[in-house]
């Protein structure tokens, strides 16, 4: 784990999730999991910034980062029903400084909104399954070749267990290493692609809105064409 972390020393990193380490915020604890996390933070010079404890005074959800321009606070209006063990939190991230001029090409607020929504849905459709995959449990970004490698790896593993053939063992190890390498490539591609979207459009749309805030042609209340909202 520590060796892999060195690849990200020069990058902005945010790791968040339910680590379920019961005594993380108990500084007197000698729990093994706490020691591992502390060693990881010291080694990488990352910081755990979540201070929103649950109803038992515990921190199960950790936010580990080296991002200085990141603030965290309690979310008072969660979008879904809140779990008492996992209180809702809100992260605010200043990600970019220079907006792209794409949205400024249009002087019409409706066209600017259409540009933003088109890009948003393009990325949603690219990275979120559009239908239920009933015949496989593999992630949507796995290629047919990657899935075939996994099946072949499992096949040679079973053969080795049954026959103790060194050739089967060699094939199994070769495929296992190949799968690990390709899996990392797939995982690293997703955040990079999504980051490009946020970098280009989110902040510039906010700036565009501020520039148009005194525009008399924009109504105070915006409604959809069918009047549903």
C-alpha atoms as a PDB file:
ATOM      1  CA  UNK A   1       0.000   0.000   0.000  1.00  0.00           C
ATOM      2  CA  UNK A   2       2.773   2.440   0.939  1.00  0.00           C
ATOM      3  CA  UNK A   3       4.733   1.750  -2.260  1.00  0.00           C
ATOM      4  CA  UNK A   4       1.691   2.394  -4.454  1.00  0.00           C
ATOM      5  CA  UNK A   5       0.985   5.649  -2.588  1.00  0.00           C
ATOM      6  CA  UNK A   6       4.334   7.120  -3.658  1.00  0.00           C
ATOM      7  CA  UNK A   7       3.023   7.423  -7.225  1.00  0.00           C
ATOM      8  CA  UNK A   8       0.596  10.130  -6.060  1.00  0.00           C
ATOM      9  CA  UNK A   9       2.908  12.316  -3.969  1.00  0.00           C
ATOM     10  CA  UNK A  10       2.838  15.117  -6.561  1.00  0.00           C
ATOM     11  CA  UNK A  11      -0.904  14.868  -7.269  1.00  0.00           C
ATOM     12  CA  UNK A  12      -3.968  16.230  -5.520  1.00  0.00           C
ATOM     13  CA  UNK A  13      -5.610  13.276  -3.756  1.00  0.00           C
ATOM     14  CA  UNK A  14      -8.964  12.854  -2.010  1.00  0.00           C
ATOM     15  CA  UNK A  15      -9.816   9.465  -0.455  1.00  0.00           C
ATOM     16  CA  UNK A  16     -13.179   9.204   1.242  1.00  0.00           C
ATOM     17  CA  UNK A  17     -15.385   6.391   2.434  1.00  0.00           C
ATOM     18  CA  UNK A  18     -16.650   4.279   5.297  1.00  0.00           C
ATOM     19  CA  UNK A  19     -13.429   2.926   6.828  1.00  0.00           C
ATOM     20  CA  UNK A  20     -15.418   1.549   9.802  1.00  0.00           C
ATOM     21  CA  UNK A  21     -12.499   2.020  12.216  1.00  0.00           C
ATOM     22  CA  UNK A  22     -14.424   2.286  15.476  1.00  0.00           C
ATOM     23  CA  UNK A  23     -11.722   3.901  17.587  1.00  0.00           C
ATOM     24  CA  UNK A  24     -10.088   6.142  14.978  1.00  0.00           C
ATOM     25  CA  UNK A  25     -10.712   9.378  16.926  1.00  0.00           C
ATOM     26  CA  UNK A  26      -9.711   7.783  20.234  1.00  0.00           C
ATOM     27  CA  UNK A  27      -6.072   8.881  20.471  1.00  0.00           C
ATOM     28  CA  UNK A  28      -5.419   6.501  23.364  1.00  0.00           C
ATOM     29  CA  UNK A  29      -6.417   3.463  21.290  1.00  0.00           C
ATOM     30  CA  UNK A  30      -3.774   0.938  20.248  1.00  0.00           C
ATOM     31  CA  UNK A  31      -6.075  -0.652  17.677  1.00  0.00           C
ATOM     32  CA  UNK A  32      -4.132  -2.223  14.807  1.00  0.00           C
ATOM     33  CA  UNK A  33      -6.250  -0.524  12.132  1.00  0.00           C
ATOM     34  CA  UNK A  34      -5.670   2.881  13.735  1.00  0.00           C
ATOM     35  CA  UNK A  35      -1.932   2.280  13.712  1.00  0.00           C
ATOM     36  CA  UNK A  36      -1.980   1.374  10.012  1.00  0.00           C
ATOM     37  CA  UNK A  37      -3.946   4.506   9.065  1.00  0.00           C
ATOM     38  CA  UNK A  38      -1.688   6.717  11.202  1.00  0.00           C
ATOM     39  CA  UNK A  39       1.391   5.199   9.565  1.00  0.00           C
ATOM     40  CA  UNK A  40      -0.130   5.777   6.117  1.00  0.00           C
ATOM     41  CA  UNK A  41      -0.887   9.439   6.900  1.00  0.00           C
ATOM     42  CA  UNK A  42       2.595  10.037   8.268  1.00  0.00           C
ATOM     43  CA  UNK A  43       4.224   8.333   5.293  1.00  0.00           C
ATOM     44  CA  UNK A  44       2.252  10.248   2.645  1.00  0.00           C
ATOM     45  CA  UNK A  45       1.880  13.539   4.542  1.00  0.00           C
ATOM     46  CA  UNK A  46      -1.882  13.319   3.897  1.00  0.00           C
ATOM     47  CA  UNK A  47      -4.431  14.544   6.435  1.00  0.00           C
ATOM     48  CA  UNK A  48      -7.770  13.218   7.697  1.00  0.00           C
ATOM     49  CA  UNK A  49     -10.100  16.262   7.796  1.00  0.00           C
ATOM     50  CA  UNK A  50     -13.516  14.881   8.768  1.00  0.00           C
ATOM     51  CA  UNK A  51     -14.491  16.001  12.275  1.00  0.00           C
ATOM     52  CA  UNK A  52     -18.234  15.305  12.009  1.00  0.00           C
ATOM     53  CA  UNK A  53     -18.756  12.471  14.498  1.00  0.00           C
ATOM     54  CA  UNK A  54     -21.821  10.208  14.513  1.00  0.00           C
ATOM     55  CA  UNK A  55     -24.400   9.841  17.307  1.00  0.00           C
ATOM     56  CA  UNK A  56     -21.933   7.694  19.271  1.00  0.00           C
ATOM     57  CA  UNK A  57     -19.121  10.208  18.993  1.00  0.00           C
ATOM     58  CA  UNK A  58     -17.219   8.065  16.490  1.00  0.00           C
ATOM     59  CA  UNK A  59     -15.685   8.798  13.095  1.00  0.00           C
ATOM     60  CA  UNK A  60     -16.421   5.925  10.737  1.00  0.00           C
ATOM     61  CA  UNK A  61     -16.336   8.025   7.548  1.00  0.00           C
ATOM     62  CA  UNK A  62     -12.864   9.372   6.825  1.00  0.00           C
ATOM     63  CA  UNK A  63     -11.781  12.026   4.323  1.00  0.00           C
ATOM     64  CA  UNK A  64      -8.057  11.726   3.618  1.00  0.00           C
ATOM     65  CA  UNK A  65      -6.434  14.357   1.410  1.00  0.00           C
ATOM     66  CA  UNK A  66      -3.426  16.513   0.637  1.00  0.00           C
ATOM     67  CA  UNK A  67      -5.675  19.178  -0.907  1.00  0.00           C
ATOM     68  CA  UNK A  68      -5.300  22.479   0.967  1.00  0.00           C
ATOM     69  CA  UNK A  69      -8.264  24.139  -0.758  1.00  0.00           C
ATOM     70  CA  UNK A  70     -10.835  21.704   0.598  1.00  0.00           C
ATOM     71  CA  UNK A  71     -13.370  22.492   3.319  1.00  0.00           C
ATOM     72  CA  UNK A  72     -15.729  20.090   5.075  1.00  0.00           C
ATOM     73  CA  UNK A  73     -18.833  20.702   7.150  1.00  0.00           C
ATOM     74  CA  UNK A  74     -21.993  19.012   8.389  1.00  0.00           C
ATOM     75  CA  UNK A  75     -24.728  18.810   5.732  1.00  0.00           C
ATOM     76  CA  UNK A  76     -27.989  19.898   7.342  1.00  0.00           C
ATOM     77  CA  UNK A  77     -30.167  18.986   4.337  1.00  0.00           C
ATOM     78  CA  UNK A  78     -29.062  15.515   3.142  1.00  0.00           C
ATOM     79  CA  UNK A  79     -30.439  14.332  -0.198  1.00  0.00           C
ATOM     80  CA  UNK A  80     -31.249  10.837   1.119  1.00  0.00           C
ATOM     81  CA  UNK A  81     -32.357   9.451   4.471  1.00  0.00           C
ATOM     82  CA  UNK A  82     -29.490   9.837   6.919  1.00  0.00           C
ATOM     83  CA  UNK A  83     -27.865   6.918   8.721  1.00  0.00           C
ATOM     84  CA  UNK A  84     -27.183   7.845  12.358  1.00  0.00           C
ATOM     85  CA  UNK A  85     -23.830   6.051  12.197  1.00  0.00           C
ATOM     86  CA  UNK A  86     -22.862   8.003   9.074  1.00  0.00           C
ATOM     87  CA  UNK A  87     -23.896  11.678   9.320  1.00  0.00           C
ATOM     88  CA  UNK A  88     -24.131  13.593   6.054  1.00  0.00           C
ATOM     89  CA  UNK A  89     -21.170  15.811   5.225  1.00  0.00           C
ATOM     90  CA  UNK A  90     -20.519  18.424   2.549  1.00  0.00           C
ATOM     91  CA  UNK A  91     -17.200  18.924   0.778  1.00  0.00           C
ATOM     92  CA  UNK A  92     -16.373  22.221  -0.904  1.00  0.00           C
ATOM     93  CA  UNK A  93     -13.490  22.124  -3.353  1.00  0.00           C
ATOM     94  CA  UNK A  94     -11.826  24.995  -5.197  1.00  0.00           C
ATOM     95  CA  UNK A  95     -10.524  23.173  -8.228  1.00  0.00           C
ATOM     96  CA  UNK A  96      -9.720  25.656 -11.000  1.00  0.00           C
ATOM     97  CA  UNK A  97      -8.717  29.267 -11.494  1.00  0.00           C
ATOM     98  CA  UNK A  98      -9.119  29.921 -15.225  1.00  0.00           C
ATOM     99  CA  UNK A  99     -12.515  29.353 -16.890  1.00  0.00           C
ATOM    100  CA  UNK A 100     -12.845  28.202 -20.465  1.00  0.00           C
ATOM    101  CA  UNK A 101     -14.486  30.645 -22.916  1.00  0.00           C
ATOM    102  CA  UNK A 102     -16.855  27.993 -24.326  1.00  0.00           C
ATOM    103  CA  UNK A 103     -19.946  29.189 -22.473  1.00  0.00           C
ATOM    104  CA  UNK A 104     -19.275  32.825 -23.286  1.00  0.00           C
ATOM    105  CA  UNK A 105     -19.742  32.248 -27.003  1.00  0.00           C
ATOM    106  CA  UNK A 106     -23.504  32.376 -26.541  1.00  0.00           C
ATOM    107  CA  UNK A 107     -25.315  35.523 -25.405  1.00  0.00           C
ATOM    108  CA  UNK A 108     -28.468  33.541 -24.716  1.00  0.00           C
ATOM    109  CA  UNK A 109     -28.946  32.052 -21.237  1.00  0.00           C
ATOM    110  CA  UNK A 110     -30.987  29.130 -22.620  1.00  0.00           C
ATOM    111  CA  UNK A 111     -28.210  28.182 -25.035  1.00  0.00           C
ATOM    112  CA  UNK A 112     -25.636  28.388 -22.221  1.00  0.00           C
ATOM    113  CA  UNK A 113     -27.787  26.084 -20.072  1.00  0.00           C
ATOM    114  CA  UNK A 114     -28.152  23.687 -22.993  1.00  0.00           C
ATOM    115  CA  UNK A 115     -24.360  23.543 -23.416  1.00  0.00           C
ATOM    116  CA  UNK A 116     -23.876  22.706 -19.739  1.00  0.00           C
ATOM    117  CA  UNK A 117     -26.608  20.048 -19.675  1.00  0.00           C
ATOM    118  CA  UNK A 118     -25.423  18.430 -22.901  1.00  0.00           C
ATOM    119  CA  UNK A 119     -21.918  18.001 -21.517  1.00  0.00           C
ATOM    120  CA  UNK A 120     -23.269  16.818 -18.150  1.00  0.00           C
ATOM    121  CA  UNK A 121     -25.474  14.111 -19.667  1.00  0.00           C
ATOM    122  CA  UNK A 122     -22.707  13.096 -22.069  1.00  0.00           C
ATOM    123  CA  UNK A 123     -20.450  12.247 -19.132  1.00  0.00           C
ATOM    124  CA  UNK A 124     -23.255  10.585 -17.176  1.00  0.00           C
ATOM    125  CA  UNK A 125     -24.102   8.375 -20.147  1.00  0.00           C
ATOM    126  CA  UNK A 126     -20.424   7.561 -20.684  1.00  0.00           C
ATOM    127  CA  UNK A 127     -19.755   6.368 -17.142  1.00  0.00           C
ATOM    128  CA  UNK A 128     -23.096   5.187 -15.720  1.00  0.00           C
ATOM    129  CA  UNK A 129     -24.753   1.979 -16.994  1.00  0.00           C
ATOM    130  CA  UNK A 130     -27.904   2.810 -18.946  1.00  0.00           C
ATOM    131  CA  UNK A 131     -29.504  -0.589 -18.369  1.00  0.00           C
ATOM    132  CA  UNK A 132     -29.370  -3.436 -15.891  1.00  0.00           C
ATOM    133  CA  UNK A 133     -26.706  -5.963 -16.755  1.00  0.00           C
ATOM    134  CA  UNK A 134     -28.385  -9.251 -15.867  1.00  0.00           C
ATOM    135  CA  UNK A 135     -25.804 -11.694 -17.130  1.00  0.00           C
ATOM    136  CA  UNK A 136     -22.583 -10.428 -15.555  1.00  0.00           C
ATOM    137  CA  UNK A 137     -21.288  -8.864 -12.377  1.00  0.00           C
ATOM    138  CA  UNK A 138     -18.350  -7.132 -14.049  1.00  0.00           C
ATOM    139  CA  UNK A 139     -18.090  -3.315 -13.961  1.00  0.00           C
ATOM    140  CA  UNK A 140     -19.350  -1.530 -17.058  1.00  0.00           C
ATOM    141  CA  UNK A 141     -15.867  -0.252 -17.985  1.00  0.00           C
ATOM    142  CA  UNK A 142     -14.392  -3.786 -18.264  1.00  0.00           C
ATOM    143  CA  UNK A 143     -13.641  -4.615 -21.890  1.00  0.00           C
ATOM    144  CA  UNK A 144     -14.537  -8.021 -23.391  1.00  0.00           C
ATOM    145  CA  UNK A 145     -10.822  -8.884 -23.444  1.00  0.00           C
ATOM    146  CA  UNK A 146     -10.458  -7.992 -19.766  1.00  0.00           C
ATOM    147  CA  UNK A 147     -13.431 -10.174 -18.835  1.00  0.00           C
ATOM    148  CA  UNK A 148     -12.056 -13.042 -20.910  1.00  0.00           C
ATOM    149  CA  UNK A 149      -8.697 -12.756 -19.114  1.00  0.00           C
ATOM    150  CA  UNK A 150     -10.474 -13.044 -15.757  1.00  0.00           C
ATOM    151  CA  UNK A 151     -12.327 -16.158 -16.880  1.00  0.00           C
ATOM    152  CA  UNK A 152      -9.120 -17.701 -18.217  1.00  0.00           C
ATOM    153  CA  UNK A 153      -7.310 -16.928 -14.967  1.00  0.00           C
ATOM    154  CA  UNK A 154     -10.028 -18.694 -12.958  1.00  0.00           C
ATOM    155  CA  UNK A 155      -9.914 -21.618 -15.381  1.00  0.00           C
ATOM    156  CA  UNK A 156      -6.155 -22.158 -14.953  1.00  0.00           C
ATOM    157  CA  UNK A 157      -6.441 -21.748 -11.195  1.00  0.00           C
ATOM    158  CA  UNK A 158      -8.965 -24.581 -10.997  1.00  0.00           C
ATOM    159  CA  UNK A 159      -6.804 -26.739 -13.276  1.00  0.00           C
ATOM    160  CA  UNK A 160      -3.747 -26.174 -11.111  1.00  0.00           C
ATOM    161  CA  UNK A 161      -5.647 -27.063  -7.926  1.00  0.00           C
ATOM    162  CA  UNK A 162      -6.849 -30.262  -9.573  1.00  0.00           C
ATOM    163  CA  UNK A 163      -3.699 -31.358 -11.466  1.00  0.00           C
ATOM    164  CA  UNK A 164      -0.841 -29.464  -9.758  1.00  0.00           C
ATOM    165  CA  UNK A 165       0.580 -28.648 -13.178  1.00  0.00           C
ATOM    166  CA  UNK A 166       3.356 -26.027 -13.140  1.00  0.00           C
ATOM    167  CA  UNK A 167       2.313 -24.903 -16.619  1.00  0.00           C
ATOM    168  CA  UNK A 168      -1.197 -24.145 -15.345  1.00  0.00           C
ATOM    169  CA  UNK A 169       0.303 -22.274 -12.392  1.00  0.00           C
ATOM    170  CA  UNK A 170       2.473 -20.201 -14.736  1.00  0.00           C
ATOM    171  CA  UNK A 171      -0.534 -19.320 -16.929  1.00  0.00           C
ATOM    172  CA  UNK A 172      -2.543 -18.363 -13.855  1.00  0.00           C
ATOM    173  CA  UNK A 173       0.177 -16.025 -12.529  1.00  0.00           C
ATOM    174  CA  UNK A 174       0.722 -14.422 -15.937  1.00  0.00           C
ATOM    175  CA  UNK A 175      -2.988 -13.654 -16.347  1.00  0.00           C
ATOM    176  CA  UNK A 176      -3.295 -12.425 -12.759  1.00  0.00           C
ATOM    177  CA  UNK A 177      -0.514  -9.869 -13.290  1.00  0.00           C
ATOM    178  CA  UNK A 178      -2.025  -8.781 -16.600  1.00  0.00           C
ATOM    179  CA  UNK A 179      -5.447  -8.280 -14.981  1.00  0.00           C
ATOM    180  CA  UNK A 180      -3.991  -6.207 -12.131  1.00  0.00           C
ATOM    181  CA  UNK A 181      -2.171  -3.927 -14.579  1.00  0.00           C
ATOM    182  CA  UNK A 182      -5.210  -3.421 -16.820  1.00  0.00           C
ATOM    183  CA  UNK A 183      -7.552  -2.883 -13.851  1.00  0.00           C
ATOM    184  CA  UNK A 184      -5.397  -0.009 -12.613  1.00  0.00           C
ATOM    185  CA  UNK A 185      -5.484   1.556 -16.080  1.00  0.00           C
ATOM    186  CA  UNK A 186      -9.299   1.359 -16.204  1.00  0.00           C
ATOM    187  CA  UNK A 187      -9.688   2.845 -12.722  1.00  0.00           C
ATOM    188  CA  UNK A 188      -7.247   5.709 -13.313  1.00  0.00           C
ATOM    189  CA  UNK A 189      -8.932   6.664 -16.602  1.00  0.00           C
ATOM    190  CA  UNK A 190     -12.333   7.365 -15.002  1.00  0.00           C
ATOM    191  CA  UNK A 191     -11.418  10.179 -12.578  1.00  0.00           C
ATOM    192  CA  UNK A 192      -9.201  11.819 -15.213  1.00  0.00           C
ATOM    193  CA  UNK A 193     -12.038  11.967 -17.722  1.00  0.00           C
ATOM    194  CA  UNK A 194     -14.555  13.246 -15.177  1.00  0.00           C
ATOM    195  CA  UNK A 195     -12.075  15.819 -13.875  1.00  0.00           C
ATOM    196  CA  UNK A 196     -11.754  17.311 -17.358  1.00  0.00           C
ATOM    197  CA  UNK A 197     -15.502  17.931 -17.384  1.00  0.00           C
ATOM    198  CA  UNK A 198     -15.577  19.641 -13.986  1.00  0.00           C
ATOM    199  CA  UNK A 199     -12.492  21.693 -14.788  1.00  0.00           C
ATOM    200  CA  UNK A 200     -13.957  23.082 -17.988  1.00  0.00           C
ATOM    201  CA  UNK A 201     -17.587  23.738 -17.159  1.00  0.00           C
ATOM    202  CA  UNK A 202     -18.632  24.028 -13.518  1.00  0.00           C
ATOM    203  CA  UNK A 203     -16.821  27.211 -12.489  1.00  0.00           C
ATOM    204  CA  UNK A 204     -17.247  28.985 -15.819  1.00  0.00           C
ATOM    205  CA  UNK A 205     -21.011  28.458 -15.699  1.00  0.00           C
ATOM    206  CA  UNK A 206     -21.075  30.113 -12.279  1.00  0.00           C
ATOM    207  CA  UNK A 207     -19.108  33.075 -13.638  1.00  0.00           C
ATOM    208  CA  UNK A 208     -21.426  33.271 -16.639  1.00  0.00           C
ATOM    209  CA  UNK A 209     -24.428  33.397 -14.296  1.00  0.00           C
ATOM    210  CA  UNK A 210     -22.868  36.244 -12.296  1.00  0.00           C
ATOM    211  CA  UNK A 211     -22.211  38.210 -15.465  1.00  0.00           C
ATOM    212  CA  UNK A 212     -25.844  37.787 -16.486  1.00  0.00           C
ATOM    213  CA  UNK A 213     -27.352  38.458 -13.056  1.00  0.00           C
ATOM    214  CA  UNK A 214     -28.426  41.998 -14.015  1.00  0.00           C
ATOM    215  CA  UNK A 215     -29.627  41.028 -17.471  1.00  0.00           C
ATOM    216  CA  UNK A 216     -33.252  42.182 -17.713  1.00  0.00           C
ATOM    217  CA  UNK A 217     -33.993  39.590 -20.407  1.00  0.00           C
ATOM    218  CA  UNK A 218     -33.671  36.774 -17.867  1.00  0.00           C
ATOM    219  CA  UNK A 219     -36.928  36.198 -15.922  1.00  0.00           C
ATOM    220  CA  UNK A 220     -36.877  35.907 -12.138  1.00  0.00           C
ATOM    221  CA  UNK A 221     -38.598  32.523 -12.364  1.00  0.00           C
ATOM    222  CA  UNK A 222     -37.492  29.920 -14.905  1.00  0.00           C
ATOM    223  CA  UNK A 223     -39.942  27.235 -15.968  1.00  0.00           C
ATOM    224  CA  UNK A 224     -39.645  24.208 -18.200  1.00  0.00           C
ATOM    225  CA  UNK A 225     -41.545  24.219 -21.476  1.00  0.00           C
ATOM    226  CA  UNK A 226     -44.089  21.681 -20.202  1.00  0.00           C
ATOM    227  CA  UNK A 227     -44.633  23.647 -16.969  1.00  0.00           C
ATOM    228  CA  UNK A 228     -43.740  20.762 -14.664  1.00  0.00           C
ATOM    229  CA  UNK A 229     -41.092  22.765 -12.805  1.00  0.00           C
END
